[in-house]
Amino acid sequence: MFDPNLDLQIAVIVPCRNEAASISAVVRDFRAALPSATVFVYDNNSDDETAKIAREAGAVVRSETLPGKGNVVRRMFADIDADIYVLVDGDDTYDAASAGKLVGKLESDILDMVSAVRVSVDDESYRPGHRLGNFVLTGIVALIFGSRSSDMLSGYRIFSRRFAKSFPALTQGFEIETELTVHALELRMPIAEIETPYRSRPSGSESNLSTIRDGFRILRVILSLTKTERPLYFFGLFFAILAASAITLSWPLFITFLETGLVPRFPTAILSTGLMLLAFLSLGCGVILDTVTRGRQEMKRLHYLAIPRHRRGDRE
């Protein structure tokens, strides 16, 4: 558990849009769970009284007009200077009572991110479509970037200061959780997971998440991050596909040439030659970009290490 006597500034950051039915409980519960923390609610163009209710509940309320959770998280990390950041959704589905345990894990093990793995407490809290999508997308990220996360799309996470201040936050919407995970995996940060209860949204509260639409957006971000962070893997896949196609088309021609000394179906021969040239061009791009990416990762790592873990330097 977290030691409340430690002189650390904790910021509970809550991005939300149209969460009037739940935001009061979120603010109240996290103020009770982390009495020394400041709760920041960032209103993202709400059409209801989310901001007013959050302010009355004791939160510091600010606004971000650019739509999308990713834009809000970017603004939060930029504006707020704290030692520990507790990121949680404003829908009252996550367990505030677990915050002390999560923060304690971050500090005791000197970690940069602790994710809350969702454990359903009722049948309605974790819809089958969301569960399947999370399983598939988490598996894809594990295959490409490493298997260190079992709930990649969890919206309840604890971050160190150096994570928050080194995170570029390039995505705009619900893809932000994917980017947070990949950022930690790419810089090989020390991270952990703890299972926490996950419950249904309160009555009168509607989700802003679209399973299919946001699922495709997340998949698109995974592909984009693969191209950016794993260019040899990305372009190597194209090399394999193009080279296999070229060999498949040219093999019958090669057999005929060995038997007769002639090259039939000249257009097919030209096509297979073009495909093989494209294959090696793709492989060359992957090799060159991989070298550039390694240099960029080294610079990101050095920037990350240059940021003190706490505002007044390390205190471990």
Protein backbone atom coordinates (compact mmCIF):
# COMPACT_ATOMS: atom_id res chain seq x y z
CA MET A 1 0.00 0.00 0.00
CA PHE A 2 1.00 3.60 -0.54
CA ASP A 3 2.51 5.43 2.42
CA PRO A 4 0.54 8.70 2.78
CA ASN A 5 3.39 10.22 4.79
CA LEU A 6 5.65 10.39 1.74
CA ASP A 7 6.08 13.93 0.47
CA LEU A 8 4.87 13.25 -3.04
CA GLN A 9 2.48 15.24 -5.20
CA ILE A 10 -0.17 12.94 -6.67
CA ALA A 11 -2.44 14.07 -9.48
CA VAL A 12 -5.60 12.10 -10.26
CA ILE A 13 -6.35 13.03 -13.87
CA VAL A 14 -9.82 12.32 -15.24
CA PRO A 15 -10.58 12.94 -18.94
CA CYS A 16 -14.33 12.97 -19.51
CA ARG A 17 -17.12 13.96 -21.84
CA ASN A 18 -20.78 13.93 -20.80
CA GLU A 19 -20.21 12.06 -17.53
CA ALA A 20 -22.61 14.06 -15.34
CA ALA A 21 -24.18 10.84 -14.02
CA SER A 22 -20.90 9.47 -12.66
CA ILE A 23 -18.26 12.17 -12.24
CA SER A 24 -19.30 13.18 -8.72
CA ALA A 25 -18.78 9.62 -7.43
CA VAL A 26 -15.41 9.36 -9.21
CA VAL A 27 -14.11 12.58 -7.67
CA ARG A 28 -15.46 11.73 -4.22
CA ASP A 29 -14.10 8.17 -4.21
CA PHE A 30 -10.60 9.11 -5.37
CA ARG A 31 -10.38 11.98 -2.89
CA ALA A 32 -11.21 9.46 -0.17
CA ALA A 33 -8.79 6.82 -1.48
CA LEU A 34 -5.90 9.30 -1.94
CA PRO A 35 -6.50 12.16 0.52
CA SER A 36 -3.25 13.94 -0.36
CA ALA A 37 -3.95 13.91 -4.10
CA THR A 38 -5.40 16.65 -6.26
CA VAL A 39 -8.17 15.52 -8.60
CA PHE A 40 -8.12 17.18 -12.02
CA VAL A 41 -11.13 16.79 -14.28
CA TYR A 42 -10.63 17.82 -17.91
CA ASP A 43 -13.94 18.42 -19.63
CA ASN A 44 -13.89 17.56 -23.34
CA ASN A 45 -16.76 19.57 -24.87
CA SER A 46 -19.49 18.10 -22.66
CA ASP A 47 -23.10 18.92 -23.45
CA ASP A 48 -24.25 18.31 -19.87
CA GLU A 49 -23.21 19.63 -16.45
CA THR A 50 -20.11 17.45 -16.07
CA ALA A 51 -17.83 20.40 -15.31
CA LYS A 52 -20.18 21.98 -12.77
CA ILE A 53 -20.79 18.72 -10.91
CA ALA A 54 -17.07 17.89 -10.83
CA ARG A 55 -16.24 21.32 -9.44
CA GLU A 56 -18.89 21.00 -6.74
CA ALA A 57 -17.46 17.59 -5.81
CA GLY A 58 -14.06 19.18 -5.11
CA ALA A 59 -12.14 18.65 -8.36
CA VAL A 60 -9.97 21.16 -10.17
CA VAL A 61 -11.83 21.52 -13.48
CA ARG A 62 -10.18 22.46 -16.74
CA SER A 63 -11.23 22.09 -20.36
CA GLU A 64 -9.78 20.81 -23.63
CA THR A 65 -11.67 21.75 -26.78
CA LEU A 66 -9.87 19.38 -29.17
CA PRO A 67 -12.12 16.30 -29.27
CA GLY A 68 -10.81 12.89 -28.27
CA LYS A 69 -9.33 11.26 -25.20
CA GLY A 70 -5.83 11.32 -26.68
CA ASN A 71 -5.96 15.10 -27.01
CA VAL A 72 -7.10 15.41 -23.39
CA VAL A 73 -4.35 13.16 -22.03
CA ARG A 74 -1.74 15.10 -24.00
CA ARG A 75 -2.98 18.34 -22.43
CA MET A 76 -3.05 16.80 -18.94
CA PHE A 77 0.53 15.55 -19.10
CA ALA A 78 1.68 18.93 -20.43
CA ASP A 79 -0.19 21.12 -17.92
CA ILE A 80 0.15 19.19 -14.67
CA ASP A 81 3.44 18.82 -12.82
CA ALA A 82 3.30 16.03 -10.26
CA ASP A 83 5.34 13.12 -8.93
CA ILE A 84 2.68 10.48 -9.63
CA TYR A 85 -0.16 10.53 -12.15
CA VAL A 86 -3.31 8.45 -11.68
CA LEU A 87 -5.19 8.26 -14.98
CA VAL A 88 -8.78 7.03 -14.74
CA ASP A 89 -11.96 7.35 -16.78
CA GLY A 90 -14.85 9.42 -15.48
CA ASP A 91 -17.48 6.68 -15.91
CA ASP A 92 -17.20 5.23 -12.37
CA THR A 93 -16.38 1.73 -13.60
CA TYR A 94 -12.93 1.48 -12.01
CA ASP A 95 -12.24 0.78 -8.34
CA ALA A 96 -10.96 3.87 -6.52
CA ALA A 97 -10.18 1.80 -3.41
CA SER A 98 -7.41 0.05 -5.38
CA ALA A 99 -5.58 3.32 -6.04
CA GLY A 100 -3.44 3.08 -2.91
CA LYS A 101 -2.27 -0.40 -3.85
CA LEU A 102 -1.46 0.67 -7.41
CA VAL A 103 0.45 3.78 -6.32
CA GLY A 104 2.25 1.76 -3.64
CA LYS A 105 3.38 -0.76 -6.25
CA LEU A 106 4.70 2.04 -8.46
CA GLU A 107 6.77 3.53 -5.64
CA SER A 108 7.93 0.39 -3.82
CA ASP A 109 9.18 -1.31 -6.99
CA ILE A 110 10.40 1.94 -8.62
CA LEU A 111 8.24 1.46 -11.70
CA ASP A 112 7.11 3.82 -14.45
CA MET A 113 3.65 2.41 -15.13
CA VAL A 114 1.23 0.18 -13.24
CA SER A 115 -1.90 -0.90 -15.12
CA ALA A 116 -5.14 -2.02 -13.52
CA VAL A 117 -6.20 -5.31 -15.10
CA ARG A 118 -9.99 -5.38 -15.19
CA VAL A 119 -11.79 -8.18 -13.36
CA SER A 120 -15.56 -8.05 -13.91
CA VAL A 121 -17.76 -7.97 -10.82
CA ASP A 122 -20.99 -8.44 -12.82
CA ASP A 123 -22.06 -9.78 -16.21
CA GLU A 124 -22.79 -6.36 -17.72
CA SER A 125 -19.54 -4.59 -16.85
CA TYR A 126 -17.32 -6.05 -19.58
CA ARG A 127 -19.26 -6.62 -22.80
CA PRO A 128 -18.26 -9.67 -24.89
CA GLY A 129 -17.42 -7.48 -27.89
CA HIS A 130 -15.05 -5.33 -25.82
CA ARG A 131 -13.51 -8.39 -24.18
CA LEU A 132 -12.86 -10.08 -27.55
CA GLY A 133 -11.51 -6.90 -29.11
CA ASN A 134 -9.18 -6.32 -26.16
CA PHE A 135 -7.93 -9.92 -26.35
CA VAL A 136 -7.22 -9.71 -30.09
CA LEU A 137 -5.60 -6.26 -30.04
CA THR A 138 -3.54 -7.05 -26.94
CA GLY A 139 -2.35 -10.23 -28.66
CA ILE A 140 -1.29 -8.32 -31.78
CA VAL A 141 0.71 -5.81 -29.72
CA ALA A 142 2.28 -8.65 -27.71
CA LEU A 143 3.34 -10.39 -30.93
CA ILE A 144 4.98 -7.25 -32.34
CA PHE A 145 6.26 -5.32 -29.33
CA GLY A 146 6.51 -7.92 -26.55
CA SER A 147 4.16 -9.70 -24.18
CA ARG A 148 4.19 -7.59 -21.01
CA SER A 149 0.56 -6.45 -20.92
CA SER A 150 -2.57 -8.57 -20.51
CA ASP A 151 -5.10 -5.68 -20.60
CA MET A 152 -3.73 -3.17 -23.07
CA LEU A 153 -6.94 -1.13 -23.25
CA SER A 154 -7.35 -0.53 -19.53
CA GLY A 155 -8.13 3.12 -18.79
CA TYR A 156 -6.88 2.95 -15.17
CA ARG A 157 -3.13 3.43 -14.92
CA ILE A 158 -0.51 4.94 -12.63
CA PHE A 159 2.50 6.75 -14.11
CA SER A 160 5.77 8.13 -12.85
CA ARG A 161 6.70 11.70 -13.64
CA ARG A 162 9.33 10.71 -16.15
CA PHE A 163 6.83 8.57 -18.05
CA ALA A 164 4.33 11.43 -18.29
CA LYS A 165 6.91 14.00 -19.34
CA SER A 166 8.56 11.76 -21.94
CA PHE A 167 5.32 10.56 -23.53
CA PRO A 168 4.69 12.16 -26.97
CA ALA A 169 0.89 11.49 -27.09
CA LEU A 170 0.39 11.54 -30.85
CA THR A 171 -3.03 9.86 -31.05
CA GLN A 172 -6.32 11.71 -30.69
CA GLY A 173 -8.98 9.32 -29.38
CA PHE A 174 -9.38 6.05 -27.51
CA GLU A 175 -6.24 4.77 -29.25
CA ILE A 176 -4.28 6.52 -26.48
CA GLU A 177 -4.14 3.35 -24.33
CA THR A 178 -2.37 1.52 -27.15
CA GLU A 179 0.16 4.33 -27.50
CA LEU A 180 0.77 4.38 -23.73
CA THR A 181 1.50 0.65 -23.75
CA VAL A 182 3.78 0.75 -26.80
CA HIS A 183 5.69 3.72 -25.37
CA ALA A 184 6.49 1.72 -22.24
CA LEU A 185 7.43 -1.39 -24.22
CA GLU A 186 9.63 0.47 -26.69
CA LEU A 187 11.67 2.21 -23.98
CA ARG A 188 11.74 -1.02 -21.94
CA MET A 189 10.40 0.78 -18.90
CA PRO A 190 9.79 -1.13 -15.67
CA ILE A 191 6.04 -1.79 -15.57
CA ALA A 192 3.58 -4.02 -13.72
CA GLU A 193 -0.08 -5.00 -13.59
CA ILE A 194 -2.50 -5.52 -10.70
CA GLU A 195 -5.97 -6.98 -10.96
CA THR A 196 -8.74 -4.64 -9.82
CA PRO A 197 -12.56 -4.86 -9.79
CA TYR A 198 -14.40 -3.51 -12.82
CA ARG A 199 -18.10 -2.71 -12.63
CA SER A 200 -20.90 -1.52 -14.90
CA ARG A 201 -21.52 2.13 -15.65
CA PRO A 202 -24.11 3.78 -13.38
CA SER A 203 -27.70 4.14 -14.54
CA GLY A 204 -28.16 7.04 -16.92
CA SER A 205 -24.55 6.98 -18.08
CA GLU A 206 -23.75 6.18 -21.72
CA SER A 207 -20.43 5.02 -23.12
CA ASN A 208 -18.56 7.23 -25.61
CA LEU A 209 -16.78 4.14 -26.97
CA SER A 210 -17.88 2.50 -30.23
CA THR A 211 -16.69 -1.11 -30.30
CA ILE A 212 -16.28 -1.47 -34.07
CA ARG A 213 -15.29 2.09 -35.00
CA ASP A 214 -12.75 2.53 -32.20
CA GLY A 215 -11.53 -1.04 -32.66
CA PHE A 216 -10.56 -0.25 -36.26
CA ARG A 217 -8.95 3.01 -35.13
CA ILE A 218 -6.85 1.12 -32.57
CA LEU A 219 -5.85 -1.43 -35.21
CA ARG A 220 -4.82 1.41 -37.51
CA VAL A 221 -2.68 2.91 -34.74
CA ILE A 222 -1.02 -0.47 -34.13
CA LEU A 223 -0.10 -0.67 -37.82
CA SER A 224 1.18 2.91 -37.78
CA LEU A 225 3.28 2.29 -34.66
CA THR A 226 4.63 -0.91 -36.21
CA LYS A 227 5.74 1.03 -39.30
CA THR A 228 7.32 3.71 -37.12
CA GLU A 229 8.85 1.63 -34.34
CA ARG A 230 9.42 -1.71 -36.13
CA PRO A 231 10.14 -0.72 -39.75
CA LEU A 232 12.21 -3.82 -40.53
CA TYR A 233 9.35 -6.02 -39.30
CA PHE A 234 6.76 -3.97 -41.23
CA PHE A 235 8.61 -3.71 -44.56
CA GLY A 236 10.02 -7.21 -44.15
CA LEU A 237 6.46 -8.50 -44.23
CA PHE A 238 5.88 -6.73 -47.55
CA PHE A 239 9.17 -8.17 -48.80
CA ALA A 240 8.02 -11.69 -47.94
CA ILE A 241 4.63 -11.23 -49.64
CA LEU A 242 6.06 -9.67 -52.81
CA ALA A 243 8.94 -12.15 -53.06
CA ALA A 244 6.61 -15.12 -52.56
CA SER A 245 4.28 -13.78 -55.28
CA ALA A 246 7.19 -13.28 -57.68
CA ILE A 247 8.54 -16.80 -57.09
CA THR A 248 5.07 -18.33 -57.48
CA LEU A 249 4.56 -16.60 -60.84
CA SER A 250 8.05 -17.28 -62.16
CA TRP A 251 8.48 -20.90 -61.08
CA PRO A 252 6.49 -22.44 -64.01
CA LEU A 253 8.43 -20.20 -66.42
CA PHE A 254 11.72 -21.32 -64.91
CA ILE A 255 10.78 -25.00 -65.27
CA THR A 256 9.79 -24.45 -68.90
CA PHE A 257 13.06 -22.61 -69.58
CA LEU A 258 15.09 -25.52 -68.17
CA GLU A 259 13.18 -27.98 -70.36
CA THR A 260 13.00 -26.04 -73.64
CA GLY A 261 15.38 -23.10 -73.35
CA LEU A 262 12.46 -20.77 -74.08
CA VAL A 263 10.69 -18.17 -71.90
CA PRO A 264 6.91 -18.37 -72.49
CA ARG A 265 4.34 -15.81 -71.30
CA PHE A 266 6.73 -12.86 -71.48
CA PRO A 267 4.32 -10.45 -69.64
CA THR A 268 4.27 -12.83 -66.66
CA ALA A 269 8.07 -12.85 -66.63
CA ILE A 270 8.10 -9.04 -66.59
CA LEU A 271 5.52 -8.97 -63.79
CA SER A 272 7.45 -11.42 -61.61
CA THR A 273 10.67 -9.46 -62.18
CA GLY A 274 8.92 -6.24 -61.15
CA LEU A 275 7.49 -7.84 -58.04
CA MET A 276 10.92 -9.12 -57.00
CA LEU A 277 12.44 -5.68 -57.52
CA LEU A 278 9.70 -4.16 -55.36
CA ALA A 279 10.34 -6.84 -52.75
CA PHE A 280 14.01 -5.93 -52.41
CA LEU A 281 13.18 -2.22 -52.51
CA SER A 282 10.83 -2.79 -49.55
CA LEU A 283 13.51 -4.74 -47.71
CA GLY A 284 16.02 -1.95 -48.33
CA CYS A 285 13.60 0.64 -46.96
CA GLY A 286 13.10 -1.50 -43.87
CA VAL A 287 16.85 -1.82 -43.24
CA ILE A 288 17.48 1.92 -43.66
CA LEU A 289 14.50 2.99 -41.55
CA ASP A 290 15.43 0.48 -38.87
CA THR A 291 18.78 2.21 -38.47
CA VAL A 292 17.06 5.61 -38.23
CA THR A 293 14.54 4.24 -35.71
CA ARG A 294 17.26 2.84 -33.47
CA GLY A 295 18.92 6.25 -33.32
CA ARG A 296 15.59 7.91 -32.54
CA GLN A 297 14.88 5.36 -29.79
CA GLU A 298 18.26 6.07 -28.24
CA MET A 299 17.43 9.79 -28.14
CA LYS A 300 14.00 9.07 -26.60
CA ARG A 301 15.65 6.86 -23.99
CA LEU A 302 18.21 9.52 -23.11
CA HIS A 303 15.45 12.14 -22.79
CA TYR A 304 13.46 9.79 -20.56
CA LEU A 305 16.49 9.17 -18.32
CA ALA A 306 17.22 12.90 -18.10
CA ILE A 307 13.86 13.54 -16.42
CA PRO A 308 14.03 13.09 -12.62
CA ARG A 309 11.59 10.58 -11.23
CA HIS A 310 10.27 13.19 -8.78
CA ARG A 311 10.01 16.94 -9.09
CA ARG A 312 12.91 17.57 -6.69
CA GLY A 313 15.06 14.70 -7.84
CA ASP A 314 15.12 11.03 -6.82
CA ARG A 315 14.35 10.31 -3.18
CA GLU A 316 14.68 6.53 -3.10
